N, C-alpha and C. Protein backbone atom coordinates (compact mmCIF):
# COMPACT_ATOMS: atom_id res chain seq x y z
N GLY A 1 196.08 186.93 -228.56
CA GLY A 1 196.53 187.99 -227.69
C GLY A 1 196.04 187.78 -226.29
N GLY A 2 196.63 188.55 -225.38
CA GLY A 2 196.25 188.43 -223.99
C GLY A 2 194.96 189.17 -223.69
N VAL A 3 194.42 188.89 -222.55
CA VAL A 3 193.21 189.57 -222.11
C VAL A 3 193.59 190.96 -221.64
N LYS A 4 192.89 191.97 -222.08
CA LYS A 4 193.16 193.33 -221.68
C LYS A 4 192.68 193.52 -220.24
N ARG A 5 193.40 194.30 -219.48
CA ARG A 5 193.06 194.56 -218.07
C ARG A 5 192.70 196.02 -217.90
N ILE A 6 191.71 196.28 -217.04
CA ILE A 6 191.35 197.65 -216.72
C ILE A 6 191.25 197.76 -215.21
N ALA A 7 191.38 198.97 -214.71
CA ALA A 7 191.26 199.20 -213.27
C ALA A 7 189.82 199.54 -212.94
N GLU A 8 189.28 198.91 -211.92
CA GLU A 8 187.92 199.20 -211.48
C GLU A 8 187.93 199.19 -209.97
N GLY A 9 187.75 200.35 -209.36
CA GLY A 9 187.76 200.44 -207.91
C GLY A 9 189.08 200.01 -207.30
N GLY A 10 190.18 200.24 -208.01
CA GLY A 10 191.50 199.90 -207.49
C GLY A 10 191.94 198.48 -207.80
N ALA A 11 191.04 197.63 -208.28
CA ALA A 11 191.39 196.23 -208.58
C ALA A 11 191.53 196.05 -210.09
N SER A 12 192.45 195.20 -210.48
CA SER A 12 192.62 194.88 -211.88
C SER A 12 191.57 193.85 -212.29
N VAL A 13 190.87 194.11 -213.38
CA VAL A 13 189.81 193.21 -213.83
C VAL A 13 190.09 192.81 -215.27
N ALA A 14 189.98 191.53 -215.57
CA ALA A 14 190.12 191.03 -216.93
C ALA A 14 188.90 190.18 -217.23
N VAL A 15 188.29 190.38 -218.38
CA VAL A 15 187.11 189.61 -218.76
C VAL A 15 187.36 188.99 -220.12
N SER A 16 187.20 187.68 -220.18
CA SER A 16 187.35 186.94 -221.43
C SER A 16 186.04 186.21 -221.70
N VAL A 17 185.48 186.41 -222.89
CA VAL A 17 184.21 185.80 -223.25
C VAL A 17 184.41 184.94 -224.50
N SER A 18 184.04 183.68 -224.41
CA SER A 18 184.06 182.77 -225.56
C SER A 18 182.63 182.51 -226.00
N ILE A 19 182.36 182.70 -227.26
CA ILE A 19 181.04 182.43 -227.85
C ILE A 19 181.22 181.33 -228.87
N ILE A 20 180.60 180.19 -228.62
CA ILE A 20 180.73 179.03 -229.51
C ILE A 20 179.35 178.70 -230.08
N SER A 21 179.24 178.79 -231.38
CA SER A 21 177.99 178.51 -232.07
C SER A 21 177.94 177.04 -232.46
N CYS A 22 176.90 176.35 -232.05
CA CYS A 22 176.70 174.93 -232.40
C CYS A 22 175.63 174.89 -233.48
N ARG A 23 176.06 174.53 -234.69
CA ARG A 23 175.17 174.59 -235.86
C ARG A 23 175.33 173.36 -236.73
N ARG A 24 174.38 173.19 -237.63
CA ARG A 24 174.46 172.07 -238.58
C ARG A 24 175.41 172.37 -239.73
N ARG A 25 175.62 173.66 -240.02
CA ARG A 25 176.57 174.09 -241.07
C ARG A 25 177.45 175.20 -240.50
N LEU A 26 178.70 175.22 -240.89
CA LEU A 26 179.60 176.27 -240.44
C LEU A 26 179.33 177.56 -241.19
N LEU A 27 179.54 178.68 -240.52
CA LEU A 27 179.42 180.00 -241.13
C LEU A 27 180.81 180.52 -241.43
N ASP A 28 180.90 181.50 -242.35
CA ASP A 28 182.18 182.16 -242.51
C ASP A 28 182.35 183.10 -241.31
N ALA A 29 183.59 183.47 -241.03
CA ALA A 29 183.91 184.19 -239.78
C ALA A 29 183.14 185.49 -239.63
N ASP A 30 183.00 186.28 -240.70
CA ASP A 30 182.30 187.56 -240.55
C ASP A 30 180.83 187.39 -240.24
N ASN A 31 180.18 186.37 -240.79
CA ASN A 31 178.77 186.11 -240.47
C ASN A 31 178.61 185.57 -239.05
N LEU A 32 179.56 184.77 -238.60
CA LEU A 32 179.53 184.26 -237.23
C LEU A 32 179.59 185.42 -236.24
N ILE A 33 180.52 186.34 -236.46
CA ILE A 33 180.67 187.47 -235.54
C ILE A 33 179.48 188.42 -235.64
N ALA A 34 179.03 188.73 -236.84
CA ALA A 34 177.88 189.63 -237.02
C ALA A 34 176.62 189.04 -236.40
N GLY A 35 176.43 187.75 -236.54
CA GLY A 35 175.25 187.09 -235.98
C GLY A 35 175.27 187.01 -234.47
N SER A 36 176.43 187.23 -233.87
CA SER A 36 176.57 187.17 -232.41
C SER A 36 176.56 188.55 -231.77
N LYS A 37 176.36 189.61 -232.57
CA LYS A 37 176.44 190.97 -232.04
C LYS A 37 175.45 191.22 -230.91
N TRP A 38 174.22 190.79 -231.06
CA TRP A 38 173.22 191.00 -230.01
C TRP A 38 173.64 190.33 -228.71
N LEU A 39 174.26 189.14 -228.83
CA LEU A 39 174.70 188.41 -227.65
C LEU A 39 175.88 189.13 -226.99
N ARG A 40 176.82 189.58 -227.81
CA ARG A 40 177.97 190.34 -227.31
C ARG A 40 177.51 191.59 -226.56
N ASP A 41 176.58 192.34 -227.15
CA ASP A 41 176.05 193.54 -226.50
C ASP A 41 175.37 193.21 -225.18
N SER A 42 174.60 192.14 -225.15
CA SER A 42 173.88 191.73 -223.94
C SER A 42 174.83 191.30 -222.83
N ILE A 43 175.87 190.57 -223.19
CA ILE A 43 176.86 190.12 -222.19
C ILE A 43 177.57 191.33 -221.60
N ALA A 44 178.03 192.23 -222.45
CA ALA A 44 178.73 193.43 -221.97
C ALA A 44 177.84 194.25 -221.05
N ALA A 45 176.59 194.45 -221.42
CA ALA A 45 175.66 195.23 -220.60
C ALA A 45 175.40 194.54 -219.26
N THR A 46 175.26 193.23 -219.28
CA THR A 46 174.98 192.48 -218.06
C THR A 46 176.11 192.57 -217.05
N ILE A 47 177.36 192.52 -217.52
CA ILE A 47 178.48 192.59 -216.58
C ILE A 47 178.97 194.03 -216.37
N GLY A 48 178.33 194.98 -217.04
CA GLY A 48 178.61 196.39 -216.80
C GLY A 48 179.82 196.95 -217.50
N PHE A 49 180.15 196.42 -218.69
CA PHE A 49 181.28 196.90 -219.46
C PHE A 49 180.80 197.35 -220.83
N ASP A 50 181.57 198.25 -221.43
CA ASP A 50 181.37 198.61 -222.83
C ASP A 50 182.03 197.50 -223.66
N ASP A 51 181.45 197.11 -224.77
CA ASP A 51 182.05 196.03 -225.57
C ASP A 51 183.01 196.55 -226.64
N ALA A 52 183.36 197.84 -226.58
CA ALA A 52 184.28 198.42 -227.57
C ALA A 52 185.69 197.84 -227.41
N GLU A 53 186.44 197.87 -228.48
CA GLU A 53 187.83 197.43 -228.48
C GLU A 53 188.60 198.18 -227.40
N GLY A 54 189.36 197.47 -226.59
CA GLY A 54 190.17 198.08 -225.55
C GLY A 54 189.43 198.41 -224.28
N SER A 55 188.19 197.98 -224.16
CA SER A 55 187.38 198.33 -222.99
C SER A 55 187.60 197.41 -221.80
N GLY A 56 188.31 196.30 -221.98
CA GLY A 56 188.52 195.38 -220.87
C GLY A 56 187.90 194.01 -221.10
N ILE A 57 187.15 193.85 -222.18
CA ILE A 57 186.57 192.55 -222.52
C ILE A 57 187.23 192.04 -223.79
N GLU A 58 187.63 190.80 -223.78
CA GLU A 58 188.15 190.15 -224.99
C GLU A 58 187.13 189.10 -225.42
N PHE A 59 186.67 189.18 -226.66
CA PHE A 59 185.72 188.21 -227.20
C PHE A 59 186.44 187.26 -228.14
N GLU A 60 186.12 185.97 -228.00
CA GLU A 60 186.63 184.93 -228.89
C GLU A 60 185.42 184.21 -229.46
N TYR A 61 185.51 183.79 -230.71
CA TYR A 61 184.41 183.12 -231.39
C TYR A 61 184.85 181.77 -231.90
N GLY A 62 183.93 180.81 -231.86
CA GLY A 62 184.21 179.49 -232.39
C GLY A 62 182.92 178.85 -232.88
N GLN A 63 183.09 177.72 -233.57
CA GLN A 63 181.94 177.00 -234.11
C GLN A 63 182.12 175.50 -233.90
N GLN A 64 181.02 174.83 -233.79
CA GLN A 64 181.02 173.37 -233.67
C GLN A 64 179.84 172.83 -234.47
N ILE A 65 180.10 171.88 -235.33
CA ILE A 65 179.00 171.24 -236.06
C ILE A 65 178.29 170.29 -235.10
N THR A 66 176.96 170.29 -235.16
CA THR A 66 176.16 169.40 -234.32
C THR A 66 175.09 168.72 -235.16
N LYS A 67 174.80 167.50 -234.83
CA LYS A 67 173.65 166.81 -235.43
C LYS A 67 172.46 166.89 -234.50
N GLY A 68 172.68 167.39 -233.31
CA GLY A 68 171.62 167.55 -232.32
C GLY A 68 171.04 168.96 -232.38
N GLU A 69 170.62 169.42 -231.22
CA GLU A 69 170.01 170.74 -231.10
C GLU A 69 171.04 171.84 -231.37
N GLN A 70 170.63 172.86 -232.11
CA GLN A 70 171.49 174.00 -232.37
C GLN A 70 171.40 174.99 -231.22
N GLY A 71 172.47 175.72 -230.98
CA GLY A 71 172.47 176.69 -229.90
C GLY A 71 173.81 177.36 -229.78
N VAL A 72 174.01 178.04 -228.65
CA VAL A 72 175.25 178.78 -228.39
C VAL A 72 175.74 178.44 -227.00
N ILE A 73 177.04 178.24 -226.90
CA ILE A 73 177.68 178.05 -225.60
C ILE A 73 178.46 179.33 -225.31
N VAL A 74 178.27 179.88 -224.11
CA VAL A 74 178.96 181.11 -223.70
C VAL A 74 179.76 180.81 -222.45
N ARG A 75 181.03 181.20 -222.48
CA ARG A 75 181.88 181.03 -221.31
C ARG A 75 182.45 182.41 -220.97
N VAL A 76 182.22 182.86 -219.73
CA VAL A 76 182.71 184.15 -219.26
C VAL A 76 183.69 183.89 -218.13
N GLU A 77 184.90 184.42 -218.28
CA GLU A 77 185.91 184.30 -217.24
C GLU A 77 186.27 185.71 -216.78
N ILE A 78 186.18 185.93 -215.47
CA ILE A 78 186.52 187.21 -214.88
C ILE A 78 187.67 186.97 -213.91
N ASP A 79 188.75 187.70 -214.13
CA ASP A 79 189.93 187.58 -213.29
C ASP A 79 190.15 188.91 -212.62
N GLY A 80 190.10 188.94 -211.32
CA GLY A 80 190.33 190.23 -210.67
C GLY A 80 190.32 190.12 -209.19
């Protein structure tokens, strides 16, 4: 789906956040999303948005197997 847009100070703002987990084993989708909740909440608070459905932020989740260091890649795109 497309990125939802909201009006803020007269300007249209769209925020798309990709969270990519780099792990040695893949998780099932519900565990991936649940395990990223703290990060989702922190990102929304940092950019000043509510993370609820329809609030103007679209979250996407992905995974990548790594033999190196485990971690998370976050990409935030703001269009406005």
